Amino acid sequence: FDSISCLLFGWIMKYVGRSPIIFIGASANTM
């Protein structure tokens, strides 16, 4: 999951920006 997500987030970041992805990571860890 870590490897696949690294590839996806690198691609998604170009379209949604950095902050939404940081929010996903923070939410996942907090939950």
PDB file of all heavy atoms in Angstrom:
ATOM      1  N   PHE A   1       0.828  -1.206   0.000  1.00  0.00           N
ATOM      2  CA  PHE A   1       0.000   0.000   0.000  1.00  0.00           C
ATOM      3  C   PHE A   1       0.863   1.257   0.000  1.00  0.00           C
ATOM      4  O   PHE A   1       0.510   2.262  -0.640  1.00  0.00           O
ATOM      5  CB  PHE A   1      -0.938  -0.005   1.218  1.00  0.00           C
ATOM      6  CG  PHE A   1      -2.198  -0.769   1.007  1.00  0.00           C
ATOM      7  CD1 PHE A   1      -2.242  -2.131   1.240  1.00  0.00           C
ATOM      8  CD2 PHE A   1      -3.343  -0.140   0.558  1.00  0.00           C
ATOM      9  CE1 PHE A   1      -3.408  -2.857   1.051  1.00  0.00           C
ATOM     10  CE2 PHE A   1      -4.518  -0.844   0.352  1.00  0.00           C
ATOM     11  CZ  PHE A   1      -4.549  -2.218   0.602  1.00  0.00           C
ATOM     12  N   ASP A   2       1.969   1.226   0.711  1.00  0.00           N
ATOM     13  CA  ASP A   2       2.887   2.370   0.754  1.00  0.00           C
ATOM     14  C   ASP A   2       3.447   2.652  -0.636  1.00  0.00           C
ATOM     15  O   ASP A   2       3.449   3.800  -1.112  1.00  0.00           O
ATOM     16  CB  ASP A   2       4.028   2.076   1.732  1.00  0.00           C
ATOM     17  CG  ASP A   2       4.721   3.333   2.221  1.00  0.00           C
ATOM     18  OD1 ASP A   2       4.775   4.317   1.465  1.00  0.00           O
ATOM     19  OD2 ASP A   2       5.210   3.336   3.360  1.00  0.00           O
ATOM     20  N   SER A   3       3.901   1.616  -1.324  1.00  0.00           N
ATOM     21  CA  SER A   3       4.512   1.789  -2.648  1.00  0.00           C
ATOM     22  C   SER A   3       3.512   2.306  -3.666  1.00  0.00           C
ATOM     23  O   SER A   3       3.788   3.252  -4.416  1.00  0.00           O
ATOM     24  CB  SER A   3       5.111   0.462  -3.120  1.00  0.00           C
ATOM     25  OG  SER A   3       6.070  -0.018  -2.216  1.00  0.00           O
ATOM     26  N   ILE A   4       2.342   1.671  -3.706  1.00  0.00           N
ATOM     27  CA  ILE A   4       1.319   2.082  -4.678  1.00  0.00           C
ATOM     28  C   ILE A   4       0.862   3.510  -4.398  1.00  0.00           C
ATOM     29  O   ILE A   4       0.681   4.319  -5.317  1.00  0.00           O
ATOM     30  CB  ILE A   4       0.124   1.111  -4.642  1.00  0.00           C
ATOM     31  CG1 ILE A   4       0.561  -0.275  -5.127  1.00  0.00           C
ATOM     32  CG2 ILE A   4      -1.024   1.623  -5.503  1.00  0.00           C
ATOM     33  CD1 ILE A   4      -0.511  -1.343  -4.999  1.00  0.00           C
ATOM     34  N   SER A   5       0.684   3.838  -3.122  1.00  0.00           N
ATOM     35  CA  SER A   5       0.226   5.181  -2.762  1.00  0.00           C
ATOM     36  C   SER A   5       1.259   6.239  -3.114  1.00  0.00           C
ATOM     37  O   SER A   5       0.896   7.362  -3.501  1.00  0.00           O
ATOM     38  CB  SER A   5      -0.095   5.235  -1.261  1.00  0.00           C
ATOM     39  OG  SER A   5      -1.121   4.333  -0.935  1.00  0.00           O
ATOM     40  N   CYS A   6       2.548   5.920  -2.969  1.00  0.00           N
ATOM     41  CA  CYS A   6       3.592   6.875  -3.358  1.00  0.00           C
ATOM     42  C   CYS A   6       3.460   7.245  -4.832  1.00  0.00           C
ATOM     43  O   CYS A   6       3.565   8.423  -5.209  1.00  0.00           O
ATOM     44  CB  CYS A   6       4.974   6.283  -3.088  1.00  0.00           C
ATOM     45  SG  CYS A   6       5.487   6.349  -1.354  1.00  0.00           S
ATOM     46  N   LEU A   7       3.222   6.248  -5.670  1.00  0.00           N
ATOM     47  CA  LEU A   7       3.051   6.515  -7.102  1.00  0.00           C
ATOM     48  C   LEU A   7       1.800   7.346  -7.359  1.00  0.00           C
ATOM     49  O   LEU A   7       1.825   8.312  -8.121  1.00  0.00           O
ATOM     50  CB  LEU A   7       2.966   5.191  -7.870  1.00  0.00           C
ATOM     51  CG  LEU A   7       4.251   4.359  -7.949  1.00  0.00           C
ATOM     52  CD1 LEU A   7       3.956   2.995  -8.562  1.00  0.00           C
ATOM     53  CD2 LEU A   7       5.316   5.084  -8.765  1.00  0.00           C
ATOM     54  N   LEU A   8       0.707   6.988  -6.701  1.00  0.00           N
ATOM     55  CA  LEU A   8      -0.560   7.688  -6.938  1.00  0.00           C
ATOM     56  C   LEU A   8      -0.513   9.126  -6.439  1.00  0.00           C
ATOM     57  O   LEU A   8      -0.954  10.045  -7.140  1.00  0.00           O
ATOM     58  CB  LEU A   8      -1.694   6.937  -6.243  1.00  0.00           C
ATOM     59  CG  LEU A   8      -2.104   5.599  -6.866  1.00  0.00           C
ATOM     60  CD1 LEU A   8      -3.182   4.931  -6.024  1.00  0.00           C
ATOM     61  CD2 LEU A   8      -2.588   5.789  -8.295  1.00  0.00           C
ATOM     62  N   PHE A   9       0.022   9.344  -5.242  1.00  0.00           N
ATOM     63  CA  PHE A   9       0.042  10.698  -4.681  1.00  0.00           C
ATOM     64  C   PHE A   9       0.944  11.626  -5.490  1.00  0.00           C
ATOM     65  O   PHE A   9       0.668  12.817  -5.614  1.00  0.00           O
ATOM     66  CB  PHE A   9       0.471  10.666  -3.221  1.00  0.00           C
ATOM     67  CG  PHE A   9      -0.556  10.070  -2.303  1.00  0.00           C
ATOM     68  CD1 PHE A   9      -0.183   9.260  -1.241  1.00  0.00           C
ATOM     69  CD2 PHE A   9      -1.898  10.313  -2.508  1.00  0.00           C
ATOM     70  CE1 PHE A   9      -1.130   8.713  -0.392  1.00  0.00           C
ATOM     71  CE2 PHE A   9      -2.859   9.770  -1.671  1.00  0.00           C
ATOM     72  CZ  PHE A   9      -2.471   8.960  -0.611  1.00  0.00           C
ATOM     73  N   GLY A  10       2.028  11.081  -6.026  1.00  0.00           N
ATOM     74  CA  GLY A  10       2.882  11.911  -6.872  1.00  0.00           C
ATOM     75  C   GLY A  10       2.166  12.397  -8.110  1.00  0.00           C
ATOM     76  O   GLY A  10       2.408  13.520  -8.588  1.00  0.00           O
ATOM     77  N   TRP A  11       1.274  11.566  -8.628  1.00  0.00           N
ATOM     78  CA  TRP A  11       0.502  11.932  -9.823  1.00  0.00           C
ATOM     79  C   TRP A  11      -0.689  12.818  -9.464  1.00  0.00           C
ATOM     80  O   TRP A  11      -0.960  13.812 -10.123  1.00  0.00           O
ATOM     81  CB  TRP A  11       0.035  10.649 -10.510  1.00  0.00           C
ATOM     82  CG  TRP A  11      -0.873  10.890 -11.681  1.00  0.00           C
ATOM     83  CD1 TRP A  11      -0.532  11.380 -12.907  1.00  0.00           C
ATOM     84  CD2 TRP A  11      -2.294  10.670 -11.717  1.00  0.00           C
ATOM     85  NE1 TRP A  11      -1.638  11.472 -13.715  1.00  0.00           N
ATOM     86  CE2 TRP A  11      -2.738  11.040 -13.005  1.00  0.00           C
ATOM     87  CE3 TRP A  11      -3.213  10.177 -10.799  1.00  0.00           C
ATOM     88  CZ2 TRP A  11      -4.067  10.935 -13.386  1.00  0.00           C
ATOM     89  CZ3 TRP A  11      -4.543  10.077 -11.188  1.00  0.00           C
ATOM     90  CH2 TRP A  11      -4.953  10.456 -12.461  1.00  0.00           C
ATOM     91  N   ILE A  12      -1.387  12.466  -8.381  1.00  0.00           N
ATOM     92  CA  ILE A  12      -2.579  13.217  -7.982  1.00  0.00           C
ATOM     93  C   ILE A  12      -2.223  14.635  -7.556  1.00  0.00           C
ATOM     94  O   ILE A  12      -2.998  15.576  -7.774  1.00  0.00           O
ATOM     95  CB  ILE A  12      -3.309  12.478  -6.842  1.00  0.00           C
ATOM     96  CG1 ILE A  12      -3.865  11.145  -7.351  1.00  0.00           C
ATOM     97  CG2 ILE A  12      -4.427  13.328  -6.264  1.00  0.00           C
ATOM     98  CD1 ILE A  12      -4.466  10.283  -6.263  1.00  0.00           C
ATOM     99  N   MET A  13      -1.043  14.804  -6.960  1.00  0.00           N
ATOM    100  CA  MET A  13      -0.644  16.109  -6.437  1.00  0.00           C
ATOM    101  C   MET A  13      -0.657  17.183  -7.520  1.00  0.00           C
ATOM    102  O   MET A  13      -0.927  18.358  -7.252  1.00  0.00           O
ATOM    103  CB  MET A  13       0.743  15.993  -5.793  1.00  0.00           C
ATOM    104  CG  MET A  13       1.191  17.223  -5.020  1.00  0.00           C
ATOM    105  SD  MET A  13       2.248  18.267  -6.040  1.00  0.00           S
ATOM    106  CE  MET A  13       2.710  19.505  -4.864  1.00  0.00           C
ATOM    107  N   LYS A  14      -0.387  16.802  -8.763  1.00  0.00           N
ATOM    108  CA  LYS A  14      -0.377  17.765  -9.863  1.00  0.00           C
ATOM    109  C   LYS A  14      -1.765  18.343 -10.122  1.00  0.00           C
ATOM    110  O   LYS A  14      -1.895  19.417 -10.703  1.00  0.00           O
ATOM    111  CB  LYS A  14       0.152  17.095 -11.130  1.00  0.00           C
ATOM    112  CG  LYS A  14       1.602  16.654 -11.047  1.00  0.00           C
ATOM    113  CD  LYS A  14       2.116  16.128 -12.373  1.00  0.00           C
ATOM    114  CE  LYS A  14       1.431  14.842 -12.745  1.00  0.00           C
ATOM    115  NZ  LYS A  14       2.013  14.243 -13.983  1.00  0.00           N
ATOM    116  N   TYR A  15      -2.812  17.635  -9.686  1.00  0.00           N
ATOM    117  CA  TYR A  15      -4.182  18.059  -9.992  1.00  0.00           C
ATOM    118  C   TYR A  15      -4.915  18.648  -8.787  1.00  0.00           C
ATOM    119  O   TYR A  15      -5.766  19.528  -8.959  1.00  0.00           O
ATOM    120  CB  TYR A  15      -4.979  16.867 -10.531  1.00  0.00           C
ATOM    121  CG  TYR A  15      -4.386  16.275 -11.795  1.00  0.00           C
ATOM    122  CD1 TYR A  15      -3.565  15.159 -11.731  1.00  0.00           C
ATOM    123  CD2 TYR A  15      -4.629  16.856 -13.039  1.00  0.00           C
ATOM    124  CE1 TYR A  15      -3.002  14.621 -12.878  1.00  0.00           C
ATOM    125  CE2 TYR A  15      -4.072  16.322 -14.192  1.00  0.00           C
ATOM    126  CZ  TYR A  15      -3.255  15.204 -14.110  1.00  0.00           C
ATOM    127  OH  TYR A  15      -2.695  14.679 -15.250  1.00  0.00           O
ATOM    128  N   VAL A  16      -4.611  18.182  -7.588  1.00  0.00           N
ATOM    129  CA  VAL A  16      -5.344  18.666  -6.415  1.00  0.00           C
ATOM    130  C   VAL A  16      -4.484  19.494  -5.473  1.00  0.00           C
ATOM    131  O   VAL A  16      -5.007  20.133  -4.559  1.00  0.00           O
ATOM    132  CB  VAL A  16      -5.965  17.480  -5.638  1.00  0.00           C
ATOM    133  CG1 VAL A  16      -6.893  16.687  -6.532  1.00  0.00           C
ATOM    134  CG2 VAL A  16      -4.882  16.575  -5.049  1.00  0.00           C
ATOM    135  N   GLY A  17      -3.169  19.478  -5.670  1.00  0.00           N
ATOM    136  CA  GLY A  17      -2.286  20.234  -4.798  1.00  0.00           C
ATOM    137  C   GLY A  17      -1.795  19.403  -3.621  1.00  0.00           C
ATOM    138  O   GLY A  17      -2.189  18.255  -3.428  1.00  0.00           O
ATOM    139  N   ARG A  18      -0.959  20.005  -2.822  1.00  0.00           N
ATOM    140  CA  ARG A  18      -0.296  19.305  -1.727  1.00  0.00           C
ATOM    141  C   ARG A  18      -1.166  19.209  -0.472  1.00  0.00           C
ATOM    142  O   ARG A  18      -1.216  18.164   0.178  1.00  0.00           O
ATOM    143  CB  ARG A  18       1.017  20.016  -1.396  1.00  0.00           C
ATOM    144  CG  ARG A  18       1.815  19.439  -0.278  1.00  0.00           C
ATOM    145  CD  ARG A  18       3.170  20.126  -0.147  1.00  0.00           C
ATOM    146  NE  ARG A  18       3.047  21.572  -0.188  1.00  0.00           N
ATOM    147  CZ  ARG A  18       3.367  22.327  -1.257  1.00  0.00           C
ATOM    148  NH1 ARG A  18       3.839  21.776  -2.346  1.00  0.00           N
ATOM    149  NH2 ARG A  18       3.221  23.642  -1.222  1.00  0.00           N
ATOM    150  N   SER A  19      -1.869  20.255  -0.125  1.00  0.00           N
ATOM    151  CA  SER A  19      -2.600  20.305   1.144  1.00  0.00           C
ATOM    152  C   SER A  19      -3.674  19.234   1.274  1.00  0.00           C
ATOM    153  O   SER A  19      -3.798  18.612   2.346  1.00  0.00           O
ATOM    154  CB  SER A  19      -3.208  21.699   1.338  1.00  0.00           C
ATOM    155  OG  SER A  19      -2.187  22.670   1.464  1.00  0.00           O
ATOM    156  N   PRO A  20      -4.495  18.970   0.239  1.00  0.00           N
ATOM    157  CA  PRO A  20      -5.485  17.892   0.377  1.00  0.00           C
ATOM    158  C   PRO A  20      -4.857  16.530   0.639  1.00  0.00           C
ATOM    159  O   PRO A  20      -5.417  15.723   1.387  1.00  0.00           O
ATOM    160  CB  PRO A  20      -6.221  17.915  -0.971  1.00  0.00           C
ATOM    161  CG  PRO A  20      -6.038  19.295  -1.489  1.00  0.00           C
ATOM    162  CD  PRO A  20      -4.667  19.699  -1.041  1.00  0.00           C
ATOM    163  N   ILE A  21      -3.705  16.280   0.049  1.00  0.00           N
ATOM    164  CA  ILE A  21      -3.040  14.999   0.274  1.00  0.00           C
ATOM    165  C   ILE A  21      -2.498  14.920   1.693  1.00  0.00           C
ATOM    166  O   ILE A  21      -2.576  13.875   2.354  1.00  0.00           O
ATOM    167  CB  ILE A  21      -1.920  14.794  -0.762  1.00  0.00           C
ATOM    168  CG1 ILE A  21      -2.517  14.766  -2.172  1.00  0.00           C
ATOM    169  CG2 ILE A  21      -1.151  13.503  -0.491  1.00  0.00           C
ATOM    170  CD1 ILE A  21      -1.502  14.642  -3.277  1.00  0.00           C
ATOM    171  N   ILE A  22      -1.943  16.030   2.190  1.00  0.00           N
ATOM    172  CA  ILE A  22      -1.495  16.080   3.584  1.00  0.00           C
ATOM    173  C   ILE A  22      -2.676  15.817   4.518  1.00  0.00           C
ATOM    174  O   ILE A  22      -2.552  15.098   5.523  1.00  0.00           O
ATOM    175  CB  ILE A  22      -0.866  17.443   3.909  1.00  0.00           C
ATOM    176  CG1 ILE A  22       0.435  17.646   3.116  1.00  0.00           C
ATOM    177  CG2 ILE A  22      -0.609  17.588   5.401  1.00  0.00           C
ATOM    178  CD1 ILE A  22       1.592  16.798   3.567  1.00  0.00           C
ATOM    179  N   PHE A  23      -3.831  16.368   4.178  1.00  0.00           N
ATOM    180  CA  PHE A  23      -5.028  16.152   4.987  1.00  0.00           C
ATOM    181  C   PHE A  23      -5.409  14.677   5.008  1.00  0.00           C
ATOM    182  O   PHE A  23      -5.819  14.144   6.050  1.00  0.00           O
ATOM    183  CB  PHE A  23      -6.187  16.990   4.437  1.00  0.00           C
ATOM    184  CG  PHE A  23      -7.493  16.777   5.148  1.00  0.00           C
ATOM    185  CD1 PHE A  23      -7.722  17.360   6.377  1.00  0.00           C
ATOM    186  CD2 PHE A  23      -8.488  15.981   4.582  1.00  0.00           C
ATOM    187  CE1 PHE A  23      -8.924  17.156   7.041  1.00  0.00           C
ATOM    188  CE2 PHE A  23      -9.684  15.771   5.235  1.00  0.00           C
ATOM    189  CZ  PHE A  23      -9.905  16.367   6.468  1.00  0.00           C
ATOM    190  N   ILE A  24      -5.271  13.994   3.872  1.00  0.00           N
ATOM    191  CA  ILE A  24      -5.574  12.555   3.809  1.00  0.00           C
ATOM    192  C   ILE A  24      -4.643  11.783   4.740  1.00  0.00           C
ATOM    193  O   ILE A  24      -5.080  10.926   5.519  1.00  0.00           O
ATOM    194  CB  ILE A  24      -5.445  12.041   2.360  1.00  0.00           C
ATOM    195  CG1 ILE A  24      -6.550  12.639   1.493  1.00  0.00           C
ATOM    196  CG2 ILE A  24      -5.492  10.516   2.315  1.00  0.00           C
ATOM    197  CD1 ILE A  24      -6.393  12.319   0.010  1.00  0.00           C
ATOM    198  N   GLY A  25      -3.345  12.073   4.669  1.00  0.00           N
ATOM    199  CA  GLY A  25      -2.384  11.375   5.516  1.00  0.00           C
ATOM    200  C   GLY A  25      -2.618  11.637   6.992  1.00  0.00           C
ATOM    201  O   GLY A  25      -2.582  10.711   7.815  1.00  0.00           O
ATOM    202  N   ALA A  26      -2.867  12.905   7.338  1.00  0.00           N
ATOM    203  CA  ALA A  26      -3.097  13.252   8.736  1.00  0.00           C
ATOM    204  C   ALA A  26      -4.373  12.603   9.261  1.00  0.00           C
ATOM    205  O   ALA A  26      -4.419  12.106  10.394  1.00  0.00           O
ATOM    206  CB  ALA A  26      -3.167  14.768   8.890  1.00  0.00           C
ATOM    207  N   SER A  27      -5.411  12.587   8.429  1.00  0.00           N
ATOM    208  CA  SER A  27      -6.679  11.971   8.841  1.00  0.00           C
ATOM    209  C   SER A  27      -6.517  10.475   9.033  1.00  0.00           C
ATOM    210  O   SER A  27      -7.035   9.903  10.007  1.00  0.00           O
ATOM    211  CB  SER A  27      -7.762  12.251   7.787  1.00  0.00           C
ATOM    212  OG  SER A  27      -7.978  13.637   7.641  1.00  0.00           O
ATOM    213  N   ALA A  28      -5.797   9.830   8.104  1.00  0.00           N
ATOM    214  CA  ALA A  28      -5.584   8.389   8.211  1.00  0.00           C
ATOM    215  C   ALA A  28      -4.826   8.041   9.482  1.00  0.00           C
ATOM    216  O   ALA A  28      -5.222   7.133  10.232  1.00  0.00           O
ATOM    217  CB  ALA A  28      -4.818   7.881   6.984  1.00  0.00           C
ATOM    218  N   ASN A  29      -3.757   8.765   9.763  1.00  0.00           N
ATOM    219  CA  ASN A  29      -2.973   8.480  10.967  1.00  0.00           C
ATOM    220  C   ASN A  29      -3.765   8.771  12.239  1.00  0.00           C
ATOM    221  O   ASN A  29      -3.705   8.005  13.208  1.00  0.00           O
ATOM    222  CB  ASN A  29      -1.688   9.284  10.967  1.00  0.00           C
ATOM    223  CG  ASN A  29      -0.612   8.699  10.075  1.00  0.00           C
ATOM    224  OD1 ASN A  29       0.455   9.260   9.906  1.00  0.00           O
ATOM    225  ND2 ASN A  29      -0.871   7.540   9.472  1.00  0.00           N
ATOM    226  N   THR A  30      -4.514   9.873  12.247  1.00  0.00           N
ATOM    227  CA  THR A  30      -5.285  10.232  13.436  1.00  0.00           C
ATOM    228  C   THR A  30      -6.359   9.199  13.732  1.00  0.00           C
ATOM    229  O   THR A  30      -6.548   8.781  14.883  1.00  0.00           O
ATOM    230  CB  THR A  30      -5.928  11.623  13.252  1.00  0.00           C
ATOM    231  OG1 THR A  30      -4.910  12.593  12.986  1.00  0.00           O
ATOM    232  CG2 THR A  30      -6.689  12.031  14.501  1.00  0.00           C
ATOM    233  N   MET A  31      -7.080   8.770  12.700  1.00  0.00           N
ATOM    234  CA  MET A  31      -8.137   7.773  12.901  1.00  0.00           C
ATOM    235  C   MET A  31      -7.557   6.439  13.368  1.00  0.00           C
ATOM    236  O   MET A  31      -8.130   5.776  14.236  1.00  0.00           O
ATOM    237  CB  MET A  31      -8.943   7.597  11.611  1.00  0.00           C
ATOM    238  CG  MET A  31      -9.842   8.768  11.281  1.00  0.00           C
ATOM    239  SD  MET A  31     -10.947   8.462   9.875  1.00  0.00           S
ATOM    240  CE  MET A  31      -9.763   8.304   8.526  1.00  0.00           C
TER     241      MET A  31
END
